[in-house]
PDB file of N, CA and C in Angstrom:
ATOM      1  N   MET A   1     101.763 124.680  49.785  1.00  0.00           N
ATOM      2  CA  MET A   1     101.975 123.708  51.298  1.00  0.00           C
ATOM      3  C   MET A   1     102.129 124.533  51.337  1.00  0.00           C
ATOM      4  N   LYS A   2     102.419 124.655  52.814  1.00  0.00           N
ATOM      5  CA  LYS A   2     103.650 126.342  53.559  1.00  0.00           C
ATOM      6  C   LYS A   2     104.740 125.524  53.946  1.00  0.00           C
ATOM      7  N   ASP A   3     104.504 124.857  54.551  1.00  0.00           N
ATOM      8  CA  ASP A   3     106.000 123.976  54.951  1.00  0.00           C
ATOM      9  C   ASP A   3     106.608 123.426  54.212  1.00  0.00           C
ATOM     10  N   ASN A   4     105.866 123.018  52.440  1.00  0.00           N
ATOM     11  CA  ASN A   4     106.960 122.577  52.173  1.00  0.00           C
ATOM     12  C   ASN A   4     106.716 120.890  52.016  1.00  0.00           C
ATOM     13  N   LYS A   5     106.342 120.397  52.634  1.00  0.00           N
ATOM     14  CA  LYS A   5     106.248 118.598  53.122  1.00  0.00           C
ATOM     15  C   LYS A   5     105.147 117.908  52.165  1.00  0.00           C
ATOM     16  N   ILE A   6     105.783 117.604  51.284  1.00  0.00           N
ATOM     17  CA  ILE A   6     104.638 116.394  50.605  1.00  0.00           C
ATOM     18  C   ILE A   6     104.389 114.987  50.893  1.00  0.00           C
ATOM     19  N   VAL A   7     103.197 114.959  51.289  1.00  0.00           N
ATOM     20  CA  VAL A   7     102.868 113.903  52.056  1.00  0.00           C
ATOM     21  C   VAL A   7     101.745 112.816  50.708  1.00  0.00           C
ATOM     22  N   ILE A   8     102.718 112.060  50.419  1.00  0.00           N
ATOM     23  CA  ILE A   8     102.176 110.928  49.542  1.00  0.00           C
ATOM     24  C   ILE A   8     101.322 109.513  50.699  1.00  0.00           C
ATOM     25  N   PRO A   9     100.034 109.344  49.635  1.00  0.00           N
ATOM     26  CA  PRO A   9      98.727 108.044  50.514  1.00  0.00           C
ATOM     27  C   PRO A   9      99.498 107.142  49.955  1.00  0.00           C
ATOM     28  N   THR A  10      99.409 106.084  51.524  1.00  0.00           N
ATOM     29  CA  THR A  10      99.559 104.863  51.008  1.00  0.00           C
ATOM     30  C   THR A  10      98.516 103.858  49.668  1.00  0.00           C
ATOM     31  N   ARG A  11      98.955 102.538  49.333  1.00  0.00           N
ATOM     32  CA  ARG A  11      98.303 102.639  48.557  1.00  0.00           C
ATOM     33  C   ARG A  11      96.832 101.810  49.322  1.00  0.00           C
ATOM     34  N   GLY A  12      97.254 101.275  50.553  1.00  0.00           N
ATOM     35  CA  GLY A  12      95.703 101.087  50.839  1.00  0.00           C
ATOM     36  C   GLY A  12      95.010 102.122  51.357  1.00  0.00           C
ATOM     37  N   GLU A  13      95.621 103.295  51.518  1.00  0.00           N
ATOM     38  CA  GLU A  13      94.465 104.709  51.987  1.00  0.00           C
ATOM     39  C   GLU A  13      93.758 105.096  50.333  1.00  0.00           C
ATOM     40  N   ILE A  14      94.570 104.749  48.962  1.00  0.00           N
ATOM     41  CA  ILE A  14      93.346 105.086  48.201  1.00  0.00           C
ATOM     42  C   ILE A  14      92.654 103.746  47.780  1.00  0.00           C
ATOM     43  N   ILE A  15      92.833 103.283  47.729  1.00  0.00           N
ATOM     44  CA  ILE A  15      91.848 101.816  47.846  1.00  0.00           C
ATOM     45  C   ILE A  15      91.032 101.777  48.526  1.00  0.00           C
ATOM     46  N   SER A  16      91.053 102.275  49.843  1.00  0.00           N
ATOM     47  CA  SER A  16      89.421 101.753  50.468  1.00  0.00           C
ATOM     48  C   SER A  16      88.609 104.110  50.230  1.00  0.00           C
ATOM     49  N   MET A  17      89.488 104.682  50.034  1.00  0.00           N
ATOM     50  CA  MET A  17      88.744 105.690  49.048  1.00  0.00           C
ATOM     51  C   MET A  17      87.991 105.488  48.336  1.00  0.00           C
ATOM     52  N   LEU A  18      88.681 104.718  47.382  1.00  0.00           N
ATOM     53  CA  LEU A  18      87.905 104.301  46.194  1.00  0.00           C
ATOM     54  C   LEU A  18      87.028 103.265  46.752  1.00  0.00           C
ATOM     55  N   GLU A  19      87.276 101.901  47.149  1.00  0.00           N
ATOM     56  CA  GLU A  19      85.720 101.302  47.521  1.00  0.00           C
ATOM     57  C   GLU A  19      84.449 101.963  48.026  1.00  0.00           C
ATOM     58  N   PHE A  20      85.469 102.990  48.860  1.00  0.00           N
ATOM     59  CA  PHE A  20      84.562 103.965  49.671  1.00  0.00           C
ATOM     60  C   PHE A  20      82.895 104.874  48.809  1.00  0.00           C
ATOM     61  N   ALA A  21      84.134 105.291  48.069  1.00  0.00           N
ATOM     62  CA  ALA A  21      83.490 106.416  46.754  1.00  0.00           C
ATOM     63  C   ALA A  21      82.475 105.446  46.243  1.00  0.00           C
ATOM     64  N   ILE A  22      83.156 104.360  45.444  1.00  0.00           N
ATOM     65  CA  ILE A  22      81.916 103.370  44.580  1.00  0.00           C
ATOM     66  C   ILE A  22      81.311 103.425  45.696  1.00  0.00           C
ATOM     67  N   LYS A  23      81.241 102.448  46.296  1.00  0.00           N
ATOM     68  CA  LYS A  23      79.896 102.192  47.247  1.00  0.00           C
ATOM     69  C   LYS A  23      78.898 103.268  48.306  1.00  0.00           C
ATOM     70  N   SER A  24      79.470 104.139  48.065  1.00  0.00           N
ATOM     71  CA  SER A  24      78.074 105.205  48.411  1.00  0.00           C
ATOM     72  C   SER A  24      77.721 106.401  47.432  1.00  0.00           C
ATOM     73  N   ASP A  25      76.744 106.721  48.139  1.00  0.00           N
ATOM     74  CA  ASP A  25      75.058 107.040  47.585  1.00  0.00           C
ATOM     75  C   ASP A  25      75.707 108.810  47.643  1.00  0.00           C
ATOM     76  N   LEU A  26      76.348 109.186  48.887  1.00  0.00           N
ATOM     77  CA  LEU A  26      76.936 110.518  48.806  1.00  0.00           C
ATOM     78  C   LEU A  26      78.073 110.960  47.873  1.00  0.00           C
ATOM     79  N   ILE A  27      78.571 109.946  47.635  1.00  0.00           N
ATOM     80  CA  ILE A  27      80.100 110.289  47.079  1.00  0.00           C
ATOM     81  C   ILE A  27      79.696 110.325  45.410  1.00  0.00           C
ATOM     82  N   ASN A  28      79.768 111.602  44.870  1.00  0.00           N
ATOM     83  CA  ASN A  28      79.543 110.877  43.047  1.00  0.00           C
ATOM     84  C   ASN A  28      80.289 111.183  42.089  1.00  0.00           C
ATOM     85  N   TYR A  29      81.977 110.856  42.728  1.00  0.00           N
ATOM     86  CA  TYR A  29      83.043 110.881  41.479  1.00  0.00           C
ATOM     87  C   TYR A  29      82.474 110.424  41.264  1.00  0.00           C
ATOM     88  N   GLN A  30      83.069 110.468  39.428  1.00  0.00           N
ATOM     89  CA  GLN A  30      83.097 109.651  38.186  1.00  0.00           C
ATOM     90  C   GLN A  30      84.262 108.744  37.913  1.00  0.00           C
ATOM     91  N   ASN A  31      85.790 109.800  38.192  1.00  0.00           N
ATOM     92  CA  ASN A  31      87.290 109.757  37.622  1.00  0.00           C
ATOM     93  C   ASN A  31      88.257 110.031  38.972  1.00  0.00           C
ATOM     94  N   ILE A  32      89.146 110.022  38.065  1.00  0.00           N
ATOM     95  CA  ILE A  32      90.237 109.970  39.351  1.00  0.00           C
ATOM     96  C   ILE A  32      90.481 111.564  39.109  1.00  0.00           C
ATOM     97  N   GLY A  33      90.292 112.808  38.147  1.00  0.00           N
ATOM     98  CA  GLY A  33      90.381 113.617  37.944  1.00  0.00           C
ATOM     99  C   GLY A  33      89.517 114.295  38.782  1.00  0.00           C
ATOM    100  N   GLU A  34      88.734 114.196  39.011  1.00  0.00           N
ATOM    101  CA  GLU A  34      87.350 115.046  39.932  1.00  0.00           C
ATOM    102  C   GLU A  34      88.127 115.016  41.339  1.00  0.00           C
ATOM    103  N   ILE A  35      88.337 113.209  42.018  1.00  0.00           N
ATOM    104  CA  ILE A  35      89.364 113.973  43.006  1.00  0.00           C
ATOM    105  C   ILE A  35      90.430 114.457  43.149  1.00  0.00           C
ATOM    106  N   LEU A  36      91.085 114.581  42.162  1.00  0.00           N
ATOM    107  CA  LEU A  36      92.417 115.717  41.969  1.00  0.00           C
ATOM    108  C   LEU A  36      91.518 116.659  42.092  1.00  0.00           C
ATOM    109  N   GLY A  37      90.728 117.251  41.853  1.00  0.00           N
ATOM    110  CA  GLY A  37      90.437 118.820  41.285  1.00  0.00           C
ATOM    111  C   GLY A  37      89.674 118.970  42.785  1.00  0.00           C
ATOM    112  N   MET A  38      89.245 117.885  43.511  1.00  0.00           N
ATOM    113  CA  MET A  38      88.777 117.917  44.686  1.00  0.00           C
ATOM    114  C   MET A  38      89.510 118.570  45.515  1.00  0.00           C
ATOM    115  N   LYS A  39      91.493 117.832  45.764  1.00  0.00           N
ATOM    116  CA  LYS A  39      92.047 117.577  46.314  1.00  0.00           C
ATOM    117  C   LYS A  39      93.001 119.150  46.246  1.00  0.00           C
ATOM    118  N   LEU A  40      92.832 119.942  45.153  1.00  0.00           N
ATOM    119  CA  LEU A  40      93.578 120.941  44.862  1.00  0.00           C
ATOM    120  C   LEU A  40      93.057 122.277  45.740  1.00  0.00           C
ATOM    121  N   ILE A  41      91.879 122.345  45.397  1.00  0.00           N
ATOM    122  CA  ILE A  41      90.322 122.760  46.633  1.00  0.00           C
ATOM    123  C   ILE A  41      90.816 123.291  47.969  1.00  0.00           C
ATOM    124  N   ASP A  42      90.580 121.998  48.149  1.00  0.00           N
ATOM    125  CA  ASP A  42      90.840 121.613  49.132  1.00  0.00           C
ATOM    126  C   ASP A  42      92.254 121.518  50.365  1.00  0.00           C
ATOM    127  N   ASP A  43      93.280 122.099  49.161  1.00  0.00           N
ATOM    128  CA  ASP A  43      94.631 123.087  49.608  1.00  0.00           C
ATOM    129  C   ASP A  43      94.763 123.863  49.702  1.00  0.00           C
ATOM    130  N   LEU A  44      93.629 124.445  48.847  1.00  0.00           N
ATOM    131  CA  LEU A  44      94.178 126.133  49.126  1.00  0.00           C
ATOM    132  C   LEU A  44      92.990 127.467  50.192  1.00  0.00           C
ATOM    133  N   LEU A  45      92.378 126.292  50.405  1.00  0.00           N
ATOM    134  CA  LEU A  45      91.000 126.272  51.677  1.00  0.00           C
ATOM    135  C   LEU A  45      92.103 126.052  52.761  1.00  0.00           C
ATOM    136  N   PRO A  46      91.092 126.773  53.919  1.00  0.00           N
ATOM    137  CA  PRO A  46      92.698 127.241  55.446  1.00  0.00           C
ATOM    138  C   PRO A  46      92.674 125.178  56.204  1.00  0.00           C
ATOM    139  N   LYS A  47      93.520 125.242  56.362  1.00  0.00           N
ATOM    140  CA  LYS A  47      93.527 123.695  57.045  1.00  0.00           C
ATOM    141  C   LYS A  47      93.182 123.650  57.901  1.00  0.00           C
ATOM    142  N   MET A  48      92.299 122.208  58.101  1.00  0.00           N
ATOM    143  CA  MET A  48      91.049 122.166  58.787  1.00  0.00           C
ATOM    144  C   MET A  48      91.969 120.596  59.996  1.00  0.00           C
ATOM    145  N   LYS A  49      92.607 120.117  58.970  1.00  0.00           N
ATOM    146  CA  LYS A  49      93.031 118.988  60.197  1.00  0.00           C
ATOM    147  C   LYS A  49      91.737 117.746  60.717  1.00  0.00           C
ATOM    148  N   VAL A  50      90.805 117.921  59.033  1.00  0.00           N
ATOM    149  CA  VAL A  50      90.003 117.161  59.847  1.00  0.00           C
ATOM    150  C   VAL A  50      90.204 115.318  58.642  1.00  0.00           C
ATOM    151  N   GLY A  51      90.938 115.972  57.710  1.00  0.00           N
ATOM    152  CA  GLY A  51      90.831 114.519  56.326  1.00  0.00           C
ATOM    153  C   GLY A  51      92.765 114.230  57.225  1.00  0.00           C
ATOM    154  N   PRO A  52      92.703 113.584  55.781  1.00  0.00           N
ATOM    155  CA  PRO A  52      94.164 113.191  55.483  1.00  0.00           C
ATOM    156  C   PRO A  52      94.670 114.021  55.171  1.00  0.00           C
ATOM    157  N   GLN A  53      96.136 113.935  55.951  1.00  0.00           N
ATOM    158  CA  GLN A  53      97.106 114.246  55.384  1.00  0.00           C
ATOM    159  C   GLN A  53      97.646 115.489  54.507  1.00  0.00           C
ATOM    160  N   TRP A  54      97.709 113.512  53.188  1.00  0.00           N
ATOM    161  CA  TRP A  54      98.319 114.158  51.964  1.00  0.00           C
ATOM    162  C   TRP A  54      96.830 115.348  51.188  1.00  0.00           C
ATOM    163  N   GLY A  55      97.498 115.941  50.140  1.00  0.00           N
ATOM    164  CA  GLY A  55      97.330 116.546  49.717  1.00  0.00           C
ATOM    165  C   GLY A  55      97.150 116.411  48.202  1.00  0.00           C
ATOM    166  N   TYR A  56      96.919 118.123  47.333  1.00  0.00           N
ATOM    167  CA  TYR A  56      96.826 117.221  45.906  1.00  0.00           C
ATOM    168  C   TYR A  56      98.660 117.092  45.419  1.00  0.00           C
ATOM    169  N   GLU A  57      99.437 117.373  46.075  1.00  0.00           N
ATOM    170  CA  GLU A  57     100.776 117.390  45.295  1.00  0.00           C
ATOM    171  C   GLU A  57     100.780 115.639  45.775  1.00  0.00           C
ATOM    172  N   GLY A  58     100.729 115.412  46.783  1.00  0.00           N
ATOM    173  CA  GLY A  58     101.286 113.923  47.310  1.00  0.00           C
ATOM    174  C   GLY A  58      99.982 112.943  46.583  1.00  0.00           C
ATOM    175  N   PHE A  59      98.725 113.655  46.111  1.00  0.00           N
ATOM    176  CA  PHE A  59      98.256 112.909  45.690  1.00  0.00           C
ATOM    177  C   PHE A  59      98.104 112.904  43.974  1.00  0.00           C
ATOM    178  N   ARG A  60      99.085 113.499  43.237  1.00  0.00           N
ATOM    179  CA  ARG A  60      99.568 113.661  42.109  1.00  0.00           C
ATOM    180  C   ARG A  60     100.623 112.833  41.684  1.00  0.00           C
ATOM    181  N   ILE A  61     101.299 112.896  42.856  1.00  0.00           N
ATOM    182  CA  ILE A  61     103.209 112.321  42.572  1.00  0.00           C
ATOM    183  C   ILE A  61     101.877 110.414  43.046  1.00  0.00           C
ATOM    184  N   PHE A  62     101.152 110.385  43.859  1.00  0.00           N
ATOM    185  CA  PHE A  62     100.613 108.972  43.552  1.00  0.00           C
ATOM    186  C   PHE A  62     100.263 108.595  42.393  1.00  0.00           C
ATOM    187  N   CYS A  63      99.074 109.010  42.018  1.00  0.00           N
ATOM    188  CA  CYS A  63      98.964 108.530  40.892  1.00  0.00           C
ATOM    189  C   CYS A  63      99.915 108.620  39.877  1.00  0.00           C
ATOM    190  N   LYS A  64     101.001 109.218  39.058  1.00  0.00           N
ATOM    191  CA  LYS A  64     101.798 109.578  38.992  1.00  0.00           C
ATOM    192  C   LYS A  64     102.842 108.102  38.717  1.00  0.00           C
ATOM    193  N   GLU A  65     103.059 107.614  39.827  1.00  0.00           N
ATOM    194  CA  GLU A  65     103.597 106.199  40.218  1.00  0.00           C
ATOM    195  C   GLU A  65     103.385 105.377  40.204  1.00  0.00           C
ATOM    196  N   ASN A  66     101.584 105.592  40.051  1.00  0.00           N
ATOM    197  CA  ASN A  66     100.745 103.784  39.938  1.00  0.00           C
ATOM    198  C   ASN A  66     100.185 103.939  38.907  1.00  0.00           C
ATOM    199  N   ASN A  67     100.366 104.856  36.977  1.00  0.00           N
ATOM    200  CA  ASN A  67     100.159 104.890  36.988  1.00  0.00           C
ATOM    201  C   ASN A  67      98.307 104.981  36.235  1.00  0.00           C
ATOM    202  N   LEU A  68      98.258 106.213  37.071  1.00  0.00           N
ATOM    203  CA  LEU A  68      96.970 106.811  37.636  1.00  0.00           C
ATOM    204  C   LEU A  68      96.204 107.932  36.528  1.00  0.00           C
ATOM    205  N   PHE A  69      95.569 107.556  35.813  1.00  0.00           N
ATOM    206  CA  PHE A  69      95.175 108.829  34.765  1.00  0.00           C
ATOM    207  C   PHE A  69      93.964 110.034  35.067  1.00  0.00           C
ATOM    208  N   SER A  70      93.710 110.949  34.984  1.00  0.00           N
ATOM    209  CA  SER A  70      92.871 111.600  35.173  1.00  0.00           C
ATOM    210  C   SER A  70      91.227 111.148  34.561  1.00  0.00           C
ATOM    211  N   THR A  71      91.380 110.857  34.241  1.00  0.00           N
ATOM    212  CA  THR A  71      90.141 110.314  33.387  1.00  0.00           C
ATOM    213  C   THR A  71      89.466 108.723  33.456  1.00  0.00           C
ATOM    214  N   ASP A  72      90.703 108.440  34.123  1.00  0.00           N
ATOM    215  CA  ASP A  72      90.596 106.440  34.524  1.00  0.00           C
ATOM    216  C   ASP A  72      89.193 106.752  35.570  1.00  0.00           C
ATOM    217  N   THR A  73      88.387 105.761  35.463  1.00  0.00           N
ATOM    218  CA  THR A  73      87.079 106.042  36.016  1.00  0.00           C
ATOM    219  C   THR A  73      87.537 105.215  37.566  1.00  0.00           C
ATOM    220  N   LEU A  74      86.772 105.715  38.493  1.00  0.00           N
ATOM    221  CA  LEU A  74      86.951 104.924  39.836  1.00  0.00           C
ATOM    222  C   LEU A  74      87.299 103.372  39.952  1.00  0.00           C
ATOM    223  N   ALA A  75      86.097 102.865  39.492  1.00  0.00           N
ATOM    224  CA  ALA A  75      86.391 101.205  38.920  1.00  0.00           C
ATOM    225  C   ALA A  75      88.054 101.455  38.851  1.00  0.00           C
ATOM    226  N   GLU A  76      88.107 101.765  37.379  1.00  0.00           N
ATOM    227  CA  GLU A  76      89.398 101.189  37.035  1.00  0.00           C
ATOM    228  C   GLU A  76      90.919 101.478  37.399  1.00  0.00           C
ATOM    229  N   ALA A  77      90.581 103.220  38.269  1.00  0.00           N
ATOM    230  CA  ALA A  77      91.999 102.795  38.994  1.00  0.00           C
ATOM    231  C   ALA A  77      91.718 101.777  40.157  1.00  0.00           C
ATOM    232  N   LEU A  78      90.596 101.259  41.134  1.00  0.00           N
ATOM    233  CA  LEU A  78      90.285 100.331  41.473  1.00  0.00           C
ATOM    234  C   LEU A  78      91.299  99.101  41.319  1.00  0.00           C
ATOM    235  N   LYS A  79      90.944  98.827  40.674  1.00  0.00           N
ATOM    236  CA  LYS A  79      91.339  97.658  39.105  1.00  0.00           C
ATOM    237  C   LYS A  79      92.960  97.788  39.737  1.00  0.00           C
ATOM    238  N   LYS A  80      93.340  98.680  38.995  1.00  0.00           N
ATOM    239  CA  LYS A  80      95.108  98.626  38.626  1.00  0.00           C
ATOM    240  C   LYS A  80      95.981  98.692  40.015  1.00  0.00           C
ATOM    241  N   LEU A  81      94.874  99.279  40.531  1.00  0.00           N
ATOM    242  CA  LEU A  81      95.785  99.290  42.494  1.00  0.00           C
ATOM    243  C   LEU A  81      95.446  97.798  42.710  1.00  0.00           C
ATOM    244  N   LYS A  82      94.517  97.059  42.317  1.00  0.00           N
ATOM    245  CA  LYS A  82      94.466  95.727  43.242  1.00  0.00           C
ATOM    246  C   LYS A  82      95.526  94.575  42.591  1.00  0.00           C
TER     247      LYS A  82
END
């Protein structure tokens, strides 16, 4: 990140994202590691201001603080957060 400001997502944002991803026929993430990878790639691309303000580092910090591991399935992660 160019301005070195790390935005950490809220628990509500992540719960909503996981619920949406689990129910969606379009999103095919299987575990937290895939979402981390997507956020890393997203951070490398030019910013377009179309998604959440938090990026890879913020999501990584959130996962560490909430004991979410890259091998956790979306359902397991959701269960840990509720």
